[in-house]
Protein backbone atom coordinates (compact mmCIF):
# COMPACT_ATOMS: atom_id res chain seq x y z
CA UNK A 1 0.00 0.00 0.00
CA UNK A 2 1.07 3.59 -0.57
CA UNK A 3 2.49 5.27 2.55
CA UNK A 4 2.42 9.08 2.32
CA UNK A 5 4.82 9.53 5.26
CA UNK A 6 7.49 7.35 3.67
CA UNK A 7 7.07 9.12 0.35
CA UNK A 8 7.42 12.55 1.99
CA UNK A 9 10.58 11.47 3.83
CA UNK A 10 12.17 10.25 0.59
CA UNK A 11 11.09 13.36 -1.30
CA UNK A 12 12.43 15.74 1.34
CA UNK A 13 15.67 13.77 1.58
CA UNK A 14 16.20 14.10 -2.18
CA UNK A 15 15.46 17.83 -2.01
CA UNK A 16 17.95 18.31 0.85
CA UNK A 17 20.65 16.42 -1.06
CA UNK A 18 20.02 18.58 -4.15
CA UNK A 19 20.24 21.75 -2.07
CA UNK A 20 23.50 20.60 -0.48
CA UNK A 21 24.95 19.97 -3.94
CA UNK A 22 23.88 23.45 -5.10
CA UNK A 23 25.47 24.98 -1.99
CA UNK A 24 28.72 23.13 -2.71
CA UNK A 25 28.78 24.38 -6.31
CA UNK A 26 28.14 27.94 -5.11
CA UNK A 27 30.93 27.63 -2.52
CA UNK A 28 33.40 26.50 -5.18
CA UNK A 29 32.40 29.38 -7.47
CA UNK A 30 32.75 31.92 -4.65
CA UNK A 31 36.26 30.64 -3.94
CA UNK A 32 37.14 31.03 -7.63
CA UNK A 33 35.80 34.58 -7.67
CA UNK A 34 37.71 35.50 -4.50
CA UNK A 35 40.92 34.24 -6.11
CA UNK A 36 40.24 36.40 -9.17
CA UNK A 37 39.52 39.44 -6.99
CA UNK A 38 42.82 38.95 -5.15
CA UNK A 39 44.66 38.76 -8.47
CA UNK A 40 42.97 41.93 -9.75
CA UNK A 41 43.64 43.77 -6.49
CA UNK A 42 47.33 42.98 -6.83
CA UNK A 43 47.37 44.51 -10.30
CA UNK A 44 45.41 47.62 -9.30
CA UNK A 45 47.55 48.63 -6.33
CA UNK A 46 49.84 51.54 -7.08
CA UNK A 47 52.58 52.79 -4.83
CA UNK A 48 53.22 56.41 -3.92
CA UNK A 49 56.38 56.57 -6.02
CA UNK A 50 54.57 55.16 -9.06
CA UNK A 51 51.86 57.78 -8.63
CA UNK A 52 54.42 60.58 -8.35
CA UNK A 53 56.21 59.34 -11.48
CA UNK A 54 52.92 59.19 -13.37
CA UNK A 55 52.05 62.73 -12.27
CA UNK A 56 55.47 64.00 -13.40
CA UNK A 57 55.07 62.30 -16.76
CA UNK A 58 51.65 63.86 -17.28
CA UNK A 59 52.94 67.31 -16.34
CA UNK A 60 55.91 66.89 -18.68
CA UNK A 61 53.60 65.78 -21.49
CA UNK A 62 51.36 68.83 -20.94
CA UNK A 63 54.41 71.15 -21.06
CA UNK A 64 55.60 69.56 -24.31
CA UNK A 65 52.19 69.97 -25.94
CA UNK A 66 52.07 73.63 -25.25
């Protein structure tokens, strides 16, 4: 005979397993994105001396142009 309680337990168990898998996939993707953000942050950082050199170069370029 068909037991509704047993069916509900199986159904909810399958749903929980699917949700755990989705959470794992999201965790892996977040870790990948954090790694990419760290790499981009390293490229975007500029030191004070680099900024001063860039400012001097811009000023020199403006003087040369007129």
